[in-house]
């Protein structure tokens, strides 16, 4: 197996894991970021990041991972 292919497959797995984590933990992430921003003295009115933002980014990571795996399968046939 070529080194570049191993790197691509490792990146695909990391992208899938990160994407799934972003989609499933979006509420916790938004609440944690909001609490961190509000804990600073000058930022009491800081806005929370949208949960939809985490879903969109997570889905992009999932699609990227699936694309890399699909590309690998297509090239190995």
PDB file of N, CA and C in Angstrom:
ATOM      1  N   UNK A   1       0.837  -1.171   0.000  1.00  0.00           N
ATOM      2  CA  UNK A   1       0.000   0.000   0.000  1.00  0.00           C
ATOM      3  C   UNK A   1       0.894   1.251   0.000  1.00  0.00           C
ATOM      4  N   UNK A   2       0.548   2.215  -0.803  1.00  0.00           N
ATOM      5  CA  UNK A   2       1.349   3.420  -0.913  1.00  0.00           C
ATOM      6  C   UNK A   2       1.153   4.311   0.309  1.00  0.00           C
ATOM      7  N   UNK A   3       2.177   5.083   0.618  1.00  0.00           N
ATOM      8  CA  UNK A   3       2.137   5.961   1.780  1.00  0.00           C
ATOM      9  C   UNK A   3       1.036   7.016   1.649  1.00  0.00           C
ATOM     10  N   UNK A   4       0.860   7.568   0.462  1.00  0.00           N
ATOM     11  CA  UNK A   4      -0.183   8.566   0.242  1.00  0.00           C
ATOM     12  C   UNK A   4      -1.570   8.001   0.464  1.00  0.00           C
ATOM     13  N   UNK A   5      -1.780   6.761   0.070  1.00  0.00           N
ATOM     14  CA  UNK A   5      -3.069   6.111   0.259  1.00  0.00           C
ATOM     15  C   UNK A   5      -3.348   5.862   1.740  1.00  0.00           C
ATOM     16  N   UNK A   6      -2.327   5.462   2.463  1.00  0.00           N
ATOM     17  CA  UNK A   6      -2.477   5.258   3.912  1.00  0.00           C
ATOM     18  C   UNK A   6      -2.847   6.578   4.588  1.00  0.00           C
ATOM     19  N   UNK A   7      -2.176   7.652   4.181  1.00  0.00           N
ATOM     20  CA  UNK A   7      -2.483   8.976   4.732  1.00  0.00           C
ATOM     21  C   UNK A   7      -3.915   9.376   4.402  1.00  0.00           C
ATOM     22  N   UNK A   8      -4.348   9.143   3.169  1.00  0.00           N
ATOM     23  CA  UNK A   8      -5.712   9.502   2.765  1.00  0.00           C
ATOM     24  C   UNK A   8      -6.746   8.714   3.548  1.00  0.00           C
ATOM     25  N   UNK A   9      -6.507   7.445   3.756  1.00  0.00           N
ATOM     26  CA  UNK A   9      -7.464   6.636   4.521  1.00  0.00           C
ATOM     27  C   UNK A   9      -7.491   7.042   5.991  1.00  0.00           C
ATOM     28  N   UNK A  10      -6.336   7.361   6.545  1.00  0.00           N
ATOM     29  CA  UNK A  10      -6.306   7.839   7.929  1.00  0.00           C
ATOM     30  C   UNK A  10      -7.055   9.161   8.038  1.00  0.00           C
ATOM     31  N   UNK A  11      -6.871  10.049   7.071  1.00  0.00           N
ATOM     32  CA  UNK A  11      -7.583  11.329   7.066  1.00  0.00           C
ATOM     33  C   UNK A  11      -9.089  11.102   6.939  1.00  0.00           C
ATOM     34  N   UNK A  12      -9.497  10.135   6.120  1.00  0.00           N
ATOM     35  CA  UNK A  12     -10.915   9.833   5.952  1.00  0.00           C
ATOM     36  C   UNK A  12     -11.529   9.358   7.265  1.00  0.00           C
ATOM     37  N   UNK A  13     -10.828   8.492   7.972  1.00  0.00           N
ATOM     38  CA  UNK A  13     -11.341   7.999   9.257  1.00  0.00           C
ATOM     39  C   UNK A  13     -11.425   9.142  10.268  1.00  0.00           C
ATOM     40  N   UNK A  14     -10.407   9.987  10.323  1.00  0.00           N
ATOM     41  CA  UNK A  14     -10.440  11.137  11.238  1.00  0.00           C
ATOM     42  C   UNK A  14     -11.577  12.088  10.888  1.00  0.00           C
ATOM     43  N   UNK A  15     -11.804  12.308   9.595  1.00  0.00           N
ATOM     44  CA  UNK A  15     -12.888  13.188   9.169  1.00  0.00           C
ATOM     45  C   UNK A  15     -14.238  12.614   9.566  1.00  0.00           C
ATOM     46  N   UNK A  16     -14.416  11.315   9.405  1.00  0.00           N
ATOM     47  CA  UNK A  16     -15.677  10.689   9.801  1.00  0.00           C
ATOM     48  C   UNK A  16     -15.907  10.794  11.301  1.00  0.00           C
ATOM     49  N   UNK A  17     -14.890  10.517  12.075  1.00  0.00           N
ATOM     50  CA  UNK A  17     -15.023  10.583  13.542  1.00  0.00           C
ATOM     51  C   UNK A  17     -15.303  12.014  13.989  1.00  0.00           C
ATOM     52  N   UNK A  18     -14.570  12.977  13.443  1.00  0.00           N
ATOM     53  CA  UNK A  18     -14.787  14.376  13.816  1.00  0.00           C
ATOM     54  C   UNK A  18     -16.172  14.847  13.392  1.00  0.00           C
ATOM     55  N   UNK A  19     -16.602  14.460  12.206  1.00  0.00           N
ATOM     56  CA  UNK A  19     -17.928  14.850  11.736  1.00  0.00           C
ATOM     57  C   UNK A  19     -19.039  14.286  12.593  1.00  0.00           C
ATOM     58  N   UNK A  20     -18.923  13.026  12.945  1.00  0.00           N
ATOM     59  CA  UNK A  20     -19.942  12.398  13.800  1.00  0.00           C
ATOM     60  C   UNK A  20     -19.939  13.050  15.175  1.00  0.00           C
ATOM     61  N   UNK A  21     -18.757  13.357  15.696  1.00  0.00           N
ATOM     62  CA  UNK A  21     -18.672  14.015  17.008  1.00  0.00           C
ATOM     63  C   UNK A  21     -19.313  15.406  16.973  1.00  0.00           C
ATOM     64  N   UNK A  22     -19.074  16.154  15.907  1.00  0.00           N
ATOM     65  CA  UNK A  22     -19.663  17.490  15.803  1.00  0.00           C
ATOM     66  C   UNK A  22     -21.182  17.429  15.710  1.00  0.00           C
ATOM     67  N   UNK A  23     -21.692  16.468  14.967  1.00  0.00           N
ATOM     68  CA  UNK A  23     -23.143  16.363  14.807  1.00  0.00           C
ATOM     69  C   UNK A  23     -23.803  15.890  16.097  1.00  0.00           C
ATOM     70  N   UNK A  24     -23.217  14.901  16.762  1.00  0.00           N
ATOM     71  CA  UNK A  24     -23.855  14.340  17.949  1.00  0.00           C
ATOM     72  C   UNK A  24     -23.658  15.188  19.203  1.00  0.00           C
ATOM     73  N   UNK A  25     -22.576  15.944  19.284  1.00  0.00           N
ATOM     74  CA  UNK A  25     -22.292  16.738  20.485  1.00  0.00           C
ATOM     75  C   UNK A  25     -22.517  18.236  20.278  1.00  0.00           C
ATOM     76  N   UNK A  26     -23.331  18.615  19.306  1.00  0.00           N
ATOM     77  CA  UNK A  26     -23.495  20.028  18.952  1.00  0.00           C
ATOM     78  C   UNK A  26     -24.064  20.860  20.083  1.00  0.00           C
ATOM     79  N   UNK A  27     -25.013  20.342  20.824  1.00  0.00           N
ATOM     80  CA  UNK A  27     -25.602  21.108  21.927  1.00  0.00           C
ATOM     81  C   UNK A  27     -24.565  21.358  23.024  1.00  0.00           C
ATOM     82  N   UNK A  28     -23.830  20.329  23.391  1.00  0.00           N
ATOM     83  CA  UNK A  28     -22.814  20.469  24.425  1.00  0.00           C
ATOM     84  C   UNK A  28     -21.734  21.457  23.982  1.00  0.00           C
ATOM     85  N   UNK A  29     -21.307  21.365  22.723  1.00  0.00           N
ATOM     86  CA  UNK A  29     -20.296  22.284  22.218  1.00  0.00           C
ATOM     87  C   UNK A  29     -20.779  23.732  22.272  1.00  0.00           C
ATOM     88  N   UNK A  30     -22.008  23.988  21.830  1.00  0.00           N
ATOM     89  CA  UNK A  30     -22.550  25.350  21.842  1.00  0.00           C
ATOM     90  C   UNK A  30     -22.658  25.879  23.267  1.00  0.00           C
ATOM     91  N   UNK A  31     -23.118  25.052  24.197  1.00  0.00           N
ATOM     92  CA  UNK A  31     -23.249  25.491  25.585  1.00  0.00           C
ATOM     93  C   UNK A  31     -21.881  25.744  26.224  1.00  0.00           C
ATOM     94  N   UNK A  32     -20.904  24.907  25.932  1.00  0.00           N
ATOM     95  CA  UNK A  32     -19.569  25.081  26.491  1.00  0.00           C
ATOM     96  C   UNK A  32     -18.913  26.356  25.974  1.00  0.00           C
ATOM     97  N   UNK A  33     -19.023  26.609  24.689  1.00  0.00           N
ATOM     98  CA  UNK A  33     -18.439  27.821  24.113  1.00  0.00           C
ATOM     99  C   UNK A  33     -19.126  29.063  24.664  1.00  0.00           C
ATOM    100  N   UNK A  34     -20.452  28.991  24.811  1.00  0.00           N
ATOM    101  CA  UNK A  34     -21.188  30.130  25.365  1.00  0.00           C
ATOM    102  C   UNK A  34     -20.774  30.401  26.803  1.00  0.00           C
ATOM    103  N   UNK A  35     -20.653  29.357  27.604  1.00  0.00           N
ATOM    104  CA  UNK A  35     -20.244  29.536  29.000  1.00  0.00           C
ATOM    105  C   UNK A  35     -18.836  30.115  29.084  1.00  0.00           C
ATOM    106  N   UNK A  36     -17.951  29.668  28.223  1.00  0.00           N
ATOM    107  CA  UNK A  36     -16.577  30.182  28.222  1.00  0.00           C
ATOM    108  C   UNK A  36     -16.547  31.657  27.831  1.00  0.00           C
ATOM    109  N   UNK A  37     -17.331  32.018  26.856  1.00  0.00           N
ATOM    110  CA  UNK A  37     -17.355  33.419  26.431  1.00  0.00           C
ATOM    111  C   UNK A  37     -17.947  34.320  27.507  1.00  0.00           C
ATOM    112  N   UNK A  38     -18.969  33.852  28.173  1.00  0.00           N
ATOM    113  CA  UNK A  38     -19.639  34.669  29.198  1.00  0.00           C
ATOM    114  C   UNK A  38     -18.856  34.735  30.498  1.00  0.00           C
ATOM    115  N   UNK A  39     -17.895  33.846  30.681  1.00  0.00           N
ATOM    116  CA  UNK A  39     -17.115  33.853  31.917  1.00  0.00           C
ATOM    117  C   UNK A  39     -16.082  34.977  31.941  1.00  0.00           C
ATOM    118  N   UNK A  40     -15.782  35.517  30.794  1.00  0.00           N
ATOM    119  CA  UNK A  40     -14.827  36.624  30.731  1.00  0.00           C
ATOM    120  C   UNK A  40     -15.558  37.921  31.063  1.00  0.00           C
ATOM    121  N   UNK A  41     -14.943  38.801  31.833  1.00  0.00           N
ATOM    122  CA  UNK A  41     -15.631  40.010  32.321  1.00  0.00           C
ATOM    123  C   UNK A  41     -16.205  40.916  31.240  1.00  0.00           C
ATOM    124  N   UNK A  42     -15.539  41.129  30.160  1.00  0.00           N
ATOM    125  CA  UNK A  42     -16.007  42.071  29.158  1.00  0.00           C
ATOM    126  C   UNK A  42     -16.935  41.477  28.116  1.00  0.00           C
ATOM    127  N   UNK A  43     -17.281  40.188  28.239  1.00  0.00           N
ATOM    128  CA  UNK A  43     -18.040  39.529  27.179  1.00  0.00           C
ATOM    129  C   UNK A  43     -19.335  38.914  27.687  1.00  0.00           C
ATOM    130  N   UNK A  44     -20.007  39.566  28.605  1.00  0.00           N
ATOM    131  CA  UNK A  44     -21.216  38.981  29.203  1.00  0.00           C
ATOM    132  C   UNK A  44     -22.336  38.797  28.185  1.00  0.00           C
ATOM    133  N   UNK A  45     -22.381  39.601  27.160  1.00  0.00           N
ATOM    134  CA  UNK A  45     -23.458  39.504  26.176  1.00  0.00           C
ATOM    135  C   UNK A  45     -23.015  38.766  24.911  1.00  0.00           C
ATOM    136  N   UNK A  46     -21.986  37.955  24.997  1.00  0.00           N
ATOM    137  CA  UNK A  46     -21.478  37.256  23.820  1.00  0.00           C
ATOM    138  C   UNK A  46     -22.517  36.270  23.294  1.00  0.00           C
ATOM    139  N   UNK A  47     -22.618  36.215  22.006  1.00  0.00           N
ATOM    140  CA  UNK A  47     -23.585  35.319  21.377  1.00  0.00           C
ATOM    141  C   UNK A  47     -23.066  33.884  21.359  1.00  0.00           C
ATOM    142  N   UNK A  48     -23.997  32.968  21.399  1.00  0.00           N
ATOM    143  CA  UNK A  48     -23.648  31.553  21.315  1.00  0.00           C
ATOM    144  C   UNK A  48     -23.523  31.155  19.848  1.00  0.00           C
ATOM    145  N   UNK A  49     -22.616  30.239  19.545  1.00  0.00           N
ATOM    146  CA  UNK A  49     -22.566  29.735  18.175  1.00  0.00           C
ATOM    147  C   UNK A  49     -23.818  28.915  17.881  1.00  0.00           C
ATOM    148  N   UNK A  50     -24.257  28.967  16.677  1.00  0.00           N
ATOM    149  CA  UNK A  50     -25.461  28.242  16.283  1.00  0.00           C
ATOM    150  C   UNK A  50     -25.207  26.738  16.283  1.00  0.00           C
ATOM    151  N   UNK A  51     -26.197  25.978  16.734  1.00  0.00           N
ATOM    152  CA  UNK A  51     -26.064  24.516  16.688  1.00  0.00           C
ATOM    153  C   UNK A  51     -26.070  24.032  15.251  1.00  0.00           C
ATOM    154  N   UNK A  52     -26.755  24.774  14.388  1.00  0.00           N
ATOM    155  CA  UNK A  52     -26.793  24.402  12.972  1.00  0.00           C
ATOM    156  C   UNK A  52     -25.396  24.497  12.346  1.00  0.00           C
ATOM    157  N   UNK A  53     -24.597  25.403  12.842  1.00  0.00           N
ATOM    158  CA  UNK A  53     -23.225  25.534  12.342  1.00  0.00           C
ATOM    159  C   UNK A  53     -22.450  24.240  12.568  1.00  0.00           C
ATOM    160  N   UNK A  54     -22.594  23.649  13.749  1.00  0.00           N
ATOM    161  CA  UNK A  54     -21.902  22.401  14.042  1.00  0.00           C
ATOM    162  C   UNK A  54     -22.429  21.261  13.180  1.00  0.00           C
ATOM    163  N   UNK A  55     -23.734  21.270  12.889  1.00  0.00           N
ATOM    164  CA  UNK A  55     -24.310  20.235  12.026  1.00  0.00           C
ATOM    165  C   UNK A  55     -23.748  20.360  10.619  1.00  0.00           C
ATOM    166  N   UNK A  56     -23.712  21.587  10.089  1.00  0.00           N
ATOM    167  CA  UNK A  56     -23.211  21.794   8.730  1.00  0.00           C
ATOM    168  C   UNK A  56     -21.741  21.387   8.623  1.00  0.00           C
ATOM    169  N   UNK A  57     -20.924  21.840   9.555  1.00  0.00           N
ATOM    170  CA  UNK A  57     -19.492  21.493   9.515  1.00  0.00           C
ATOM    171  C   UNK A  57     -19.309  19.992   9.702  1.00  0.00           C
ATOM    172  N   UNK A  58     -20.065  19.401  10.622  1.00  0.00           N
ATOM    173  CA  UNK A  58     -19.975  17.959  10.834  1.00  0.00           C
ATOM    174  C   UNK A  58     -20.364  17.169   9.597  1.00  0.00           C
ATOM    175  N   UNK A  59     -21.429  17.585   8.920  1.00  0.00           N
ATOM    176  CA  UNK A  59     -21.847  16.887   7.704  1.00  0.00           C
ATOM    177  C   UNK A  59     -20.815  17.049   6.589  1.00  0.00           C
ATOM    178  N   UNK A  60     -20.169  18.214   6.520  1.00  0.00           N
ATOM    179  CA  UNK A  60     -19.106  18.398   5.530  1.00  0.00           C
ATOM    180  C   UNK A  60     -17.938  17.448   5.793  1.00  0.00           C
ATOM    181  N   UNK A  61     -17.580  17.278   7.059  1.00  0.00           N
ATOM    182  CA  UNK A  61     -16.509  16.343   7.399  1.00  0.00           C
ATOM    183  C   UNK A  61     -16.918  14.912   7.049  1.00  0.00           C
ATOM    184  N   UNK A  62     -18.154  14.542   7.322  1.00  0.00           N
ATOM    185  CA  UNK A  62     -18.629  13.195   7.009  1.00  0.00           C
ATOM    186  C   UNK A  62     -18.598  12.958   5.502  1.00  0.00           C
ATOM    187  N   UNK A  63     -19.073  13.932   4.740  1.00  0.00           N
ATOM    188  CA  UNK A  63     -19.061  13.804   3.278  1.00  0.00           C
ATOM    189  C   UNK A  63     -17.628  13.693   2.761  1.00  0.00           C
ATOM    190  N   UNK A  64     -16.721  14.482   3.319  1.00  0.00           N
ATOM    191  CA  UNK A  64     -15.323  14.414   2.892  1.00  0.00           C
ATOM    192  C   UNK A  64     -14.752  13.023   3.164  1.00  0.00           C
ATOM    193  N   UNK A  65     -15.023  12.485   4.347  1.00  0.00           N
ATOM    194  CA  UNK A  65     -14.521  11.154   4.682  1.00  0.00           C
ATOM    195  C   UNK A  65     -15.095  10.079   3.775  1.00  0.00           C
ATOM    196  N   UNK A  66     -16.394  10.169   3.502  1.00  0.00           N
ATOM    197  CA  UNK A  66     -17.014   9.184   2.617  1.00  0.00           C
ATOM    198  C   UNK A  66     -16.501   9.319   1.183  1.00  0.00           C
ATOM    199  N   UNK A  67     -16.246  10.544   0.745  1.00  0.00           N
ATOM    200  CA  UNK A  67     -15.689  10.748  -0.590  1.00  0.00           C
ATOM    201  C   UNK A  67     -14.316  10.108  -0.714  1.00  0.00           C
ATOM    202  N   UNK A  68     -13.476  10.281   0.283  1.00  0.00           N
ATOM    203  CA  UNK A  68     -12.126   9.697   0.230  1.00  0.00           C
ATOM    204  C   UNK A  68     -12.204   8.175   0.216  1.00  0.00           C
ATOM    205  N   UNK A  69     -13.081   7.620   1.044  1.00  0.00           N
ATOM    206  CA  UNK A  69     -13.226   6.156   1.070  1.00  0.00           C
ATOM    207  C   UNK A  69     -13.795   5.661  -0.254  1.00  0.00           C
ATOM    208  N   UNK A  70     -14.777   6.373  -0.812  1.00  0.00           N
ATOM    209  CA  UNK A  70     -15.331   5.999  -2.109  1.00  0.00           C
ATOM    210  C   UNK A  70     -14.294   6.081  -3.218  1.00  0.00           C
ATOM    211  N   UNK A  71     -13.455   7.106  -3.166  1.00  0.00           N
ATOM    212  CA  UNK A  71     -12.384   7.257  -4.149  1.00  0.00           C
ATOM    213  C   UNK A  71     -11.403   6.087  -4.039  1.00  0.00           C
ATOM    214  N   UNK A  72     -11.085   5.690  -2.812  1.00  0.00           N
ATOM    215  CA  UNK A  72     -10.164   4.580  -2.604  1.00  0.00           C
ATOM    216  C   UNK A  72     -10.755   3.283  -3.156  1.00  0.00           C
ATOM    217  N   UNK A  73     -12.044   3.066  -2.895  1.00  0.00           N
ATOM    218  CA  UNK A  73     -12.695   1.843  -3.409  1.00  0.00           C
ATOM    219  C   UNK A  73     -12.722   1.868  -4.935  1.00  0.00           C
ATOM    220  N   UNK A  74     -13.030   3.014  -5.516  1.00  0.00           N
ATOM    221  CA  UNK A  74     -13.102   3.109  -6.974  1.00  0.00           C
ATOM    222  C   UNK A  74     -11.744   2.872  -7.624  1.00  0.00           C
ATOM    223  N   UNK A  75     -10.680   3.350  -7.004  1.00  0.00           N
ATOM    224  CA  UNK A  75      -9.353   3.171  -7.592  1.00  0.00           C
ATOM    225  C   UNK A  75      -8.814   1.756  -7.385  1.00  0.00           C
ATOM    226  N   UNK A  76      -9.308   1.059  -6.373  1.00  0.00           N
ATOM    227  CA  UNK A  76      -8.803  -0.290  -6.120  1.00  0.00           C
ATOM    228  C   UNK A  76      -9.516  -1.351  -6.933  1.00  0.00           C
ATOM    229  N   UNK A  77     -10.569  -0.988  -7.648  1.00  0.00           N
ATOM    230  CA  UNK A  77     -11.293  -1.984  -8.471  1.00  0.00           C
ATOM    231  C   UNK A  77     -10.628  -2.204  -9.801  1.00  0.00           C
TER     232      UNK A  77
END
